[in-house]
Amino acid sequence: MLFNDIIWTEKMRAVFRDTAPEIYLCGAMGTSKTLIASLLFFDRIINAPANVNQFAIVGASGVLVKRNFVDKADSLHKIHRGLCTEYSQNNKDGSGSHFCIKGKTGLKIVYLAGADNKSSLTSILSLDLGGILLDEMSWLDIDTVREAHGRVKRLAYPGWIIGTTNGGTPTQEFYTEFVDHAVPQFKETVPQTELDALKGDMPSRHYYHFNLRDDCPHKTAEQTAALIATYPPGSFYYYSKILGCRGFSQGALYAPYISGDLLIENSRINTRALGNVVCSVDMGTSTGMDDTKHAHTIATVVGFTPGYEQVIVLESKIIPSNTLDTVIDEVDKLLLPYWANYYTKLSKIVIDYGDSGGMLVRSWRSRTRLKNVTVKPCIKTGKGGNIGGKEITLQSRAQLKCQLLMDNRLMWAESAEASFKAHKNILSTENGEELEQSNIDNDYADSLTYTLTENWVKLSKNIY
């Protein structure tokens, strides 16, 4: 392919002209993200000053990087072959893999590295790099992405990053730490699920979304239709490859029903209009976020409208202690504003007491400073989990959440965003129960569940 063979769209031209230090090209497969990223990468190198002569392309593997940027007919190296030297792999570990570009101020070295070759990657990312192209960020280790961003900011010259990716999972750090802060360009072509996640609070970062409708001038309608038929709708790969959006994991229980509309700004919530507020505490033995061997203690505060039509998760917080007195003090501190301002509305603290029996509940009752607030064990499944003649099971608990979500009756305040994100990650068993993965997402989910079972009859009266 020659440069003159490229079919340019308005969006591709905009990317080519963009001078932002960080540019992220996200979207569906086969939409020329890698091609336009390569062209922009080349253009910036050609115009780099004389004292900046080292750059890098990093991808999932060395083989893929060489194939996409050197070997393919529409690769950077082939399109600009008159301005590129031959590809060379000097060292056995691949750390010397490179070619040069004949820039306006001299030869510029482009190093190639795959994330599968740690020796090569470490060697290249230790250099003073003027710019880096990160290909398929969703496949890269987050420390590689972090190191790349840090590396280009160490020079007096304003270094830059160009990143490409299909859709990943919403909680991947390359999204939360980098992409989600970018300002969306061509906003009308960005899917709503992406717009919901983009904060746009860093003008130095620009986000472009490429889709199979607007960004495939080189494909026939038949080719595009065949591409779309590759993966079944609703699957993770359909979201990732066909829509180019962040998707949910295969087997996600709640994610299909959760949209960004269910996460509400705190300022929009009229707490005074709530009829009842319940706090639940899922007790764990972990002493902090870094402790992955034990369950975490999670306190969740939930508000219910007077007719129980709406459920709003007001706050959800990790209590980083396994000492009962400290947990009680921290929960009291969390609830004090509700107790002081909405005295009669804060009705209960329900506790998953584990193997501690009633002793834990009795200790809590005697120590809490929140007078006239009921402290009681949570309602469990099976024995003792019969409400209104209906036995509570793991399956029916999950079904209640699903139904509330489908009816837009369950939502989260921004101050409970951790719980919101956790429910996107919860997987389903074959029986439709929450899959126990022994992680913090399950802890957040359990904590919310206990507030719902406290009001089971009132919440389910319009469902069953």
Protein backbone atom coordinates (compact mmCIF):
# COMPACT_ATOMS: atom_id res chain seq x y z
CA MET A 1 0.00 0.00 0.00
CA LEU A 2 1.10 3.53 -0.80
CA PHE A 3 0.19 6.66 1.12
CA ASN A 4 -2.00 7.76 -1.81
CA ASP A 5 -4.01 4.51 -1.56
CA ILE A 6 -5.39 5.39 1.86
CA ILE A 7 -9.10 6.30 1.95
CA TRP A 8 -9.34 9.19 4.39
CA THR A 9 -12.36 10.03 6.51
CA GLU A 10 -12.95 13.30 8.35
CA LYS A 11 -12.20 11.55 11.65
CA MET A 12 -8.90 10.13 10.36
CA ARG A 13 -7.84 13.57 9.14
CA ALA A 14 -8.72 15.04 12.55
CA VAL A 15 -6.54 12.46 14.31
CA PHE A 16 -3.70 13.17 11.90
CA ARG A 17 -3.91 16.91 12.74
CA ASP A 18 -4.36 16.41 16.49
CA THR A 19 -1.49 17.75 18.63
CA ALA A 20 -2.66 16.45 22.02
CA PRO A 21 0.11 14.77 24.06
CA GLU A 22 -2.06 11.72 24.66
CA ILE A 23 -4.38 10.30 22.01
CA TYR A 24 -6.46 7.14 22.45
CA LEU A 25 -8.01 5.43 19.43
CA CYS A 26 -10.64 3.00 20.67
CA GLY A 27 -13.32 0.99 18.95
CA ALA A 28 -14.24 -1.97 16.80
CA MET A 29 -11.84 -4.28 15.03
CA GLY A 30 -11.04 -3.61 11.39
CA THR A 31 -11.64 0.14 11.57
CA SER A 32 -8.09 1.29 10.73
CA LYS A 33 -7.19 2.34 14.27
CA THR A 34 -3.70 0.86 13.91
CA LEU A 35 -3.27 2.42 10.47
CA ILE A 36 -4.09 5.97 11.54
CA ALA A 37 -2.09 5.52 14.77
CA SER A 38 0.91 4.49 12.65
CA LEU A 39 0.53 7.48 10.33
CA LEU A 40 0.31 9.91 13.26
CA PHE A 41 3.25 8.19 14.97
CA PHE A 42 5.34 8.55 11.80
CA ASP A 43 4.35 12.20 11.26
CA ARG A 44 5.33 13.19 14.79
CA ILE A 45 8.69 11.42 14.47
CA ILE A 46 9.44 13.07 11.13
CA ASN A 47 8.98 16.48 12.75
CA ALA A 48 10.77 15.74 16.05
CA PRO A 49 13.67 18.03 16.99
CA ALA A 50 17.30 16.97 16.48
CA ASN A 51 17.91 16.18 20.17
CA VAL A 52 15.01 13.68 20.33
CA ASN A 53 15.78 10.53 18.39
CA GLN A 54 14.38 7.51 20.31
CA PHE A 55 10.82 6.23 20.05
CA ALA A 56 9.04 2.93 20.67
CA ILE A 57 6.12 0.75 19.62
CA VAL A 58 4.87 -1.64 22.30
CA GLY A 59 2.26 -4.37 21.75
CA ALA A 60 1.03 -7.62 23.24
CA SER A 61 3.84 -9.65 21.66
CA GLY A 62 6.96 -9.03 19.61
CA VAL A 63 5.55 -11.15 16.79
CA LEU A 64 2.36 -9.07 16.55
CA VAL A 65 4.24 -5.77 16.72
CA LYS A 66 6.53 -6.78 13.86
CA ARG A 67 3.61 -8.12 11.83
CA ASN A 68 1.44 -5.00 12.28
CA PHE A 69 4.09 -2.31 11.93
CA VAL A 70 6.73 -3.87 9.67
CA ASP A 71 5.42 -6.83 7.65
CA LYS A 72 1.83 -6.01 6.65
CA ALA A 73 1.14 -4.27 3.34
CA ASP A 74 -0.48 -1.33 5.17
CA SER A 75 2.16 -1.17 7.92
CA LEU A 76 4.02 1.99 8.80
CA HIS A 77 7.23 0.48 7.44
CA LYS A 78 5.70 -0.50 4.09
CA ILE A 79 3.75 2.72 3.47
CA HIS A 80 6.81 4.88 4.22
CA ARG A 81 9.45 2.43 2.98
CA GLY A 82 11.34 5.19 1.16
CA LEU A 83 11.90 6.95 4.49
CA CYS A 84 12.55 3.86 6.64
CA THR A 85 15.68 1.77 6.99
CA GLU A 86 15.55 -2.04 7.05
CA TYR A 87 14.18 -3.71 10.14
CA SER A 88 16.92 -5.14 12.37
CA GLN A 89 16.86 -7.51 15.31
CA ASN A 90 20.33 -7.27 16.84
CA ASN A 91 20.03 -9.01 20.19
CA LYS A 92 18.81 -12.50 21.07
CA ASP A 93 16.39 -11.09 23.64
CA GLY A 94 14.86 -8.80 21.03
CA SER A 95 15.90 -5.60 22.83
CA GLY A 96 17.69 -4.35 19.74
CA SER A 97 14.70 -4.81 17.41
CA HIS A 98 14.33 -1.54 15.54
CA PHE A 99 14.28 0.40 12.32
CA CYS A 100 15.06 4.04 11.64
CA ILE A 101 13.01 6.84 10.12
CA LYS A 102 14.72 9.58 8.14
CA GLY A 103 13.38 12.62 9.95
CA LYS A 104 13.80 16.28 9.05
CA THR A 105 16.54 16.62 11.65
CA GLY A 106 18.27 13.25 11.24
CA LEU A 107 17.72 9.54 11.79
CA LYS A 108 15.15 8.60 14.40
CA ILE A 109 15.26 5.13 15.98
CA VAL A 110 12.00 3.22 16.45
CA TYR A 111 12.34 0.33 18.91
CA LEU A 112 9.81 -2.53 18.84
CA ALA A 113 8.87 -4.52 21.93
CA GLY A 114 6.28 -7.07 22.97
CA ALA A 115 4.87 -7.26 26.46
CA ASP A 116 5.58 -11.02 26.36
CA ASN A 117 9.34 -10.33 26.38
CA LYS A 118 10.09 -8.72 29.75
CA SER A 119 13.81 -8.35 29.06
CA SER A 120 13.20 -6.52 25.78
CA LEU A 121 10.43 -4.41 27.26
CA THR A 122 12.46 -3.35 30.28
CA SER A 123 15.43 -2.48 28.11
CA ILE A 124 13.42 -0.27 25.78
CA LEU A 125 11.26 1.42 28.42
CA SER A 126 14.42 2.43 30.30
CA LEU A 127 15.39 4.70 27.40
CA ASP A 128 14.61 8.41 27.04
CA LEU A 129 11.74 8.10 24.60
CA GLY A 130 10.19 11.05 22.82
CA GLY A 131 7.02 9.16 21.95
CA ILE A 132 5.45 5.74 22.37
CA LEU A 133 2.72 3.92 20.47
CA LEU A 134 0.86 1.43 22.71
CA ASP A 135 -0.98 -1.07 20.51
CA GLU A 136 -3.96 -2.98 21.97
CA MET A 137 -3.77 -1.51 25.46
CA SER A 138 -6.38 -3.90 26.86
CA TRP A 139 -3.85 -6.73 26.39
CA LEU A 140 -0.97 -4.91 28.08
CA ASP A 141 0.01 -5.24 31.71
CA ILE A 142 -1.00 -2.06 33.54
CA ASP A 143 2.55 -1.52 34.82
CA THR A 144 3.72 -1.40 31.18
CA VAL A 145 1.13 1.28 30.43
CA ARG A 146 2.10 3.25 33.54
CA GLU A 147 5.80 3.02 32.79
CA ALA A 148 5.23 4.16 29.20
CA HIS A 149 3.31 7.24 30.32
CA GLY A 150 5.92 8.08 32.91
CA ARG A 151 8.82 7.59 30.50
CA VAL A 152 7.69 10.15 27.91
CA LYS A 153 7.22 12.80 30.61
CA ARG A 154 10.82 12.74 31.78
CA LEU A 155 12.20 14.77 28.90
CA ALA A 156 12.29 18.53 28.52
CA TYR A 157 10.78 17.81 25.09
CA PRO A 158 6.99 17.32 25.43
CA GLY A 159 6.75 13.56 24.91
CA TRP A 160 3.58 11.91 23.73
CA ILE A 161 1.56 8.68 23.82
CA ILE A 162 -0.67 7.18 21.14
CA GLY A 163 -2.79 4.23 22.26
CA THR A 164 -5.12 1.84 20.43
CA THR A 165 -7.55 -0.70 21.80
CA ASN A 166 -10.72 -2.66 21.23
CA GLY A 167 -13.09 -2.76 24.16
CA GLY A 168 -11.82 -4.11 27.46
CA THR A 169 -13.55 -4.67 30.78
CA PRO A 170 -14.78 -1.54 32.60
CA THR A 171 -12.50 -1.90 35.61
CA GLN A 172 -9.22 -2.31 33.72
CA GLU A 173 -6.76 0.30 34.95
CA PHE A 174 -5.80 1.51 31.47
CA TYR A 175 -9.37 2.85 31.38
CA THR A 176 -9.72 4.13 34.92
CA GLU A 177 -6.26 5.71 35.17
CA PHE A 178 -5.80 7.04 31.64
CA VAL A 179 -8.48 6.71 28.95
CA ASP A 180 -11.46 7.66 31.10
CA HIS A 181 -9.98 11.12 31.74
CA ALA A 182 -9.75 11.93 28.02
CA VAL A 183 -11.96 14.43 26.22
CA PRO A 184 -14.15 12.68 23.61
CA GLN A 185 -13.81 13.92 20.03
CA PHE A 186 -16.56 13.42 17.42
CA LYS A 187 -18.85 12.94 20.39
CA GLU A 188 -21.84 12.07 18.24
CA THR A 189 -20.13 8.82 17.15
CA VAL A 190 -19.15 7.71 20.67
CA PRO A 191 -21.47 5.01 22.14
CA GLN A 192 -23.36 6.05 25.25
CA THR A 193 -21.67 3.42 27.42
CA GLU A 194 -18.32 5.04 26.62
CA LEU A 195 -19.61 8.59 27.15
CA ASP A 196 -20.94 7.53 30.56
CA ALA A 197 -17.43 6.48 31.59
CA LEU A 198 -15.44 9.37 30.09
CA LYS A 199 -14.83 12.13 32.63
CA GLY A 200 -13.16 14.42 30.09
CA ASP A 201 -11.32 16.23 32.89
CA MET A 202 -7.87 16.23 31.24
CA PRO A 203 -7.72 18.39 28.07
CA SER A 204 -4.29 16.97 27.25
CA ARG A 205 -5.91 13.61 26.50
CA HIS A 206 -8.16 13.05 23.48
CA TYR A 207 -10.45 10.06 22.85
CA TYR A 208 -11.63 8.90 19.42
CA HIS A 209 -14.09 6.06 18.88
CA PHE A 210 -14.03 4.08 15.64
CA ASN A 211 -17.07 2.03 14.64
CA LEU A 212 -18.03 -0.28 11.80
CA ARG A 213 -20.67 2.13 10.49
CA ASP A 214 -18.64 5.33 10.06
CA ASP A 215 -15.02 4.25 9.93
CA CYS A 216 -14.72 1.48 7.34
CA PRO A 217 -14.51 3.22 3.94
CA HIS A 218 -12.21 0.47 2.73
CA LYS A 219 -14.77 -2.32 3.39
CA THR A 220 -17.81 -3.32 1.36
CA ALA A 221 -21.20 -3.68 3.01
CA GLU A 222 -20.88 -7.46 2.66
CA GLN A 223 -17.48 -7.49 4.37
CA THR A 224 -18.80 -5.40 7.25
CA ALA A 225 -21.86 -7.65 7.64
CA ALA A 226 -19.64 -10.73 7.74
CA LEU A 227 -17.48 -9.09 10.39
CA ILE A 228 -20.50 -8.24 12.53
CA ALA A 229 -21.70 -11.86 12.33
CA THR A 230 -18.41 -13.15 13.75
CA TYR A 231 -19.51 -13.01 17.41
CA PRO A 232 -22.94 -13.58 19.02
CA PRO A 233 -24.69 -10.37 20.16
CA GLY A 234 -24.46 -9.86 23.90
CA SER A 235 -21.16 -11.71 24.28
CA PHE A 236 -18.06 -9.99 25.61
CA TYR A 237 -16.35 -10.28 22.21
CA TYR A 238 -19.35 -8.71 20.51
CA TYR A 239 -19.02 -5.68 22.79
CA SER A 240 -15.24 -5.62 22.47
CA LYS A 241 -14.63 -6.41 18.80
CA ILE A 242 -17.86 -5.41 17.04
CA LEU A 243 -19.04 -2.43 19.08
CA GLY A 244 -15.58 -1.52 20.32
CA CYS A 245 -17.02 -0.77 23.76
CA ARG A 246 -15.96 -1.85 27.18
CA GLY A 247 -17.98 -4.94 27.86
CA PHE A 248 -18.80 -7.14 30.77
CA SER A 249 -17.32 -10.55 31.42
CA GLN A 250 -18.98 -13.66 30.05
CA GLY A 251 -21.55 -14.83 32.57
CA ALA A 252 -22.03 -11.41 34.19
CA LEU A 253 -25.16 -11.48 36.37
CA TYR A 254 -26.10 -7.81 36.70
CA ALA A 255 -23.99 -5.98 34.09
CA PRO A 256 -26.50 -6.44 31.23
CA TYR A 257 -29.00 -4.35 33.26
CA ILE A 258 -26.60 -1.70 34.57
CA SER A 259 -26.06 1.56 32.66
CA GLY A 260 -24.33 4.79 33.56
CA ASP A 261 -27.77 6.33 34.20
CA LEU A 262 -27.96 4.32 37.43
CA LEU A 263 -24.97 6.17 38.92
CA ILE A 264 -26.27 9.51 40.19
CA GLU A 265 -24.47 12.67 41.27
CA ASN A 266 -24.77 13.15 45.02
CA SER A 267 -26.17 16.65 44.51
CA ARG A 268 -29.19 15.19 42.67
CA ILE A 269 -30.30 13.05 45.60
CA ASN A 270 -32.89 14.53 47.93
CA THR A 271 -32.15 12.61 51.11
CA ARG A 272 -35.00 14.38 52.91
CA ALA A 273 -37.45 12.73 50.54
CA LEU A 274 -36.41 9.23 51.63
CA GLY A 275 -38.72 7.31 53.89
CA ASN A 276 -36.29 4.83 55.43
CA VAL A 277 -32.51 4.42 55.69
CA VAL A 278 -30.84 1.10 56.52
CA CYS A 279 -27.16 0.31 57.04
CA SER A 280 -25.79 -3.19 56.61
CA VAL A 281 -22.36 -4.41 57.66
CA ASP A 282 -20.81 -7.47 56.04
CA MET A 283 -18.16 -8.46 58.57
CA GLY A 284 -14.75 -9.65 57.36
CA THR A 285 -11.30 -10.19 58.81
CA SER A 286 -9.24 -8.17 56.34
CA THR A 287 -7.31 -5.21 57.72
CA GLY A 288 -6.98 -3.22 54.49
CA MET A 289 -7.32 -3.03 50.72
CA ASP A 290 -4.03 -4.85 50.16
CA ASP A 291 -5.13 -7.91 52.12
CA THR A 292 -6.45 -10.29 49.46
CA LYS A 293 -6.53 -13.41 51.64
CA HIS A 294 -9.46 -12.40 53.82
CA ALA A 295 -12.94 -10.99 53.29
CA HIS A 296 -13.35 -7.25 53.78
CA THR A 297 -15.71 -5.51 56.17
CA ILE A 298 -18.10 -3.42 54.07
CA ALA A 299 -20.67 -0.96 55.41
CA THR A 300 -23.43 0.01 52.98
CA VAL A 301 -26.04 2.73 53.56
CA VAL A 302 -29.23 2.43 51.52
CA GLY A 303 -32.20 4.79 51.27
CA PHE A 304 -35.74 3.76 50.32
CA THR A 305 -38.43 6.09 49.04
CA PRO A 306 -41.65 6.13 51.13
CA GLY A 307 -43.45 3.63 48.89
CA TYR A 308 -40.32 1.52 48.35
CA GLU A 309 -40.52 2.19 44.61
CA GLN A 310 -36.88 3.32 44.52
CA VAL A 311 -33.73 2.02 46.22
CA ILE A 312 -30.70 4.32 46.36
CA VAL A 313 -27.32 3.06 47.58
CA LEU A 314 -26.09 6.18 49.35
CA GLU A 315 -22.67 5.04 50.53
CA SER A 316 -20.58 1.88 50.53
CA LYS A 317 -17.31 1.85 52.38
CA ILE A 318 -14.53 -0.51 53.39
CA ILE A 319 -13.85 -0.54 57.12
CA PRO A 320 -10.12 -1.40 57.26
CA SER A 321 -10.11 -3.20 60.58
CA ASN A 322 -11.04 -6.54 62.07
CA THR A 323 -11.36 -5.14 65.61
CA LEU A 324 -15.02 -4.94 66.59
CA ASP A 325 -14.70 -1.71 68.58
CA THR A 326 -13.01 0.02 65.63
CA VAL A 327 -15.63 -1.25 63.19
CA ILE A 328 -18.44 0.02 65.42
CA ASP A 329 -16.77 3.43 65.79
CA GLU A 330 -16.23 3.75 62.02
CA VAL A 331 -19.81 2.76 61.21
CA ASP A 332 -21.10 5.22 63.82
CA LYS A 333 -18.98 7.94 62.19
CA LEU A 334 -20.39 7.04 58.76
CA LEU A 335 -23.99 7.11 60.02
CA LEU A 336 -23.80 10.12 62.34
CA PRO A 337 -24.89 12.67 59.69
CA TYR A 338 -27.95 10.54 58.83
CA TRP A 339 -28.77 10.04 62.50
CA ALA A 340 -28.39 13.74 63.29
CA ASN A 341 -30.27 15.12 60.29
CA TYR A 342 -32.84 12.38 59.61
CA TYR A 343 -33.24 10.97 63.09
CA THR A 344 -36.38 8.91 62.58
CA LYS A 345 -35.45 7.70 59.09
CA LEU A 346 -32.29 5.81 60.07
CA SER A 347 -34.05 2.72 61.34
CA LYS A 348 -31.62 -0.20 61.41
CA ILE A 349 -28.10 -1.48 61.37
CA VAL A 350 -28.12 -5.08 60.17
CA ILE A 351 -25.04 -7.23 60.64
CA ASP A 352 -23.75 -10.37 58.98
CA TYR A 353 -22.25 -11.76 62.12
CA GLY A 354 -20.63 -14.89 60.63
CA ASP A 355 -19.64 -17.40 63.27
CA SER A 356 -19.75 -14.92 66.14
CA GLY A 357 -23.38 -15.59 66.98
CA GLY A 358 -25.49 -13.13 68.92
CA MET A 359 -22.57 -11.96 71.05
CA LEU A 360 -21.36 -9.60 68.32
CA VAL A 361 -24.80 -8.04 67.95
CA ARG A 362 -25.16 -7.59 71.72
CA SER A 363 -21.74 -5.93 71.91
CA TRP A 364 -22.70 -3.59 69.08
CA ARG A 365 -25.94 -2.59 70.78
CA SER A 366 -24.16 -1.72 73.99
CA ARG A 367 -21.40 0.31 72.33
CA THR A 368 -23.05 2.28 69.53
CA ARG A 369 -23.70 5.98 70.11
CA LEU A 370 -26.69 5.96 67.76
CA LYS A 371 -29.57 5.67 70.19
CA ASN A 372 -32.98 4.43 69.05
CA VAL A 373 -31.44 2.72 66.03
CA THR A 374 -32.17 -1.02 65.91
CA VAL A 375 -29.11 -3.27 65.72
CA LYS A 376 -29.96 -6.79 64.54
CA PRO A 377 -28.60 -9.82 62.69
CA CYS A 378 -29.11 -9.81 58.93
CA ILE A 379 -31.65 -12.12 57.33
CA LYS A 380 -29.85 -15.10 55.86
CA THR A 381 -30.89 -17.69 53.32
CA GLY A 382 -32.37 -21.06 54.18
CA LYS A 383 -33.25 -21.59 57.83
CA GLY A 384 -34.34 -18.30 59.33
CA GLY A 385 -34.67 -16.75 55.87
CA ASN A 386 -38.42 -17.10 55.51
CA ILE A 387 -40.21 -13.77 54.97
CA GLY A 388 -43.90 -13.43 54.33
CA GLY A 389 -44.17 -17.16 53.76
CA LYS A 390 -41.49 -17.07 51.09
CA GLU A 391 -38.12 -18.71 51.67
CA ILE A 392 -35.12 -16.54 50.83
CA THR A 393 -32.55 -18.36 48.69
CA LEU A 394 -29.30 -17.30 47.05
CA GLN A 395 -31.13 -17.48 43.73
CA SER A 396 -34.14 -15.38 44.81
CA ARG A 397 -31.82 -12.74 46.32
CA ALA A 398 -30.07 -12.37 42.97
CA GLN A 399 -33.41 -12.36 41.13
CA LEU A 400 -34.65 -9.50 43.29
CA LYS A 401 -31.61 -7.39 42.39
CA CYS A 402 -32.01 -8.22 38.70
CA GLN A 403 -35.67 -7.27 38.74
CA LEU A 404 -35.02 -3.99 40.56
CA LEU A 405 -32.35 -3.15 37.99
CA MET A 406 -34.56 -4.06 35.03
CA ASP A 407 -37.32 -1.84 36.44
CA ASN A 408 -34.84 1.03 37.08
CA ARG A 409 -35.68 0.89 40.78
CA LEU A 410 -32.13 0.31 42.05
CA MET A 411 -29.48 3.00 41.64
CA TRP A 412 -26.29 4.23 43.25
CA ALA A 413 -25.02 7.62 44.43
CA GLU A 414 -21.52 8.61 43.32
CA SER A 415 -20.40 8.12 46.92
CA ALA A 416 -21.27 4.43 46.48
CA GLU A 417 -19.47 4.04 43.14
CA ALA A 418 -17.37 1.15 44.47
CA SER A 419 -20.55 -0.87 45.00
CA PHE A 420 -21.84 0.15 41.54
CA LYS A 421 -18.65 -1.09 39.86
CA ALA A 422 -18.55 -4.26 41.94
CA HIS A 423 -22.02 -5.28 40.74
CA LYS A 424 -20.87 -4.94 37.13
CA ASN A 425 -18.26 -7.59 37.87
CA ILE A 426 -20.43 -10.13 39.69
CA LEU A 427 -20.75 -13.38 37.74
CA SER A 428 -23.62 -15.85 37.71
CA THR A 429 -23.67 -19.53 38.59
CA GLU A 430 -25.65 -21.96 36.43
CA ASN A 431 -28.54 -21.55 38.88
CA GLY A 432 -28.58 -17.75 38.60
CA GLU A 433 -26.93 -17.13 41.97
CA GLU A 434 -24.04 -14.75 42.60
CA LEU A 435 -20.86 -16.70 41.90
CA GLU A 436 -18.67 -16.68 45.00
CA GLN A 437 -15.18 -15.67 43.88
CA SER A 438 -13.95 -14.72 47.35
CA ASN A 439 -13.07 -11.19 46.32
CA ILE A 440 -14.03 -7.68 47.35
CA ASP A 441 -16.76 -7.48 44.69
CA ASN A 442 -18.62 -10.28 46.48
CA ASP A 443 -18.21 -8.41 49.77
CA TYR A 444 -19.80 -5.27 48.31
CA ALA A 445 -22.61 -7.34 46.79
CA ASP A 446 -23.37 -9.18 50.05
CA SER A 447 -23.45 -5.93 52.01
CA LEU A 448 -26.08 -4.45 49.67
CA THR A 449 -28.08 -7.69 49.69
CA TYR A 450 -28.63 -7.54 53.45
CA THR A 451 -30.30 -4.11 53.20
CA LEU A 452 -32.65 -5.45 50.51
CA THR A 453 -33.68 -8.57 52.42
CA GLU A 454 -34.62 -6.35 55.38
CA ASN A 455 -37.35 -4.85 53.18
CA TRP A 456 -38.04 -7.94 51.08
CA VAL A 457 -41.85 -7.92 51.24
CA LYS A 458 -42.16 -4.21 50.53
CA LEU A 459 -39.69 -4.30 47.65
CA SER A 460 -41.11 -7.42 46.03
CA LYS A 461 -44.81 -6.61 46.32
CA ASN A 462 -44.85 -5.25 42.76
CA ILE A 463 -42.73 -8.12 41.40
CA TYR A 464 -44.10 -11.42 42.68
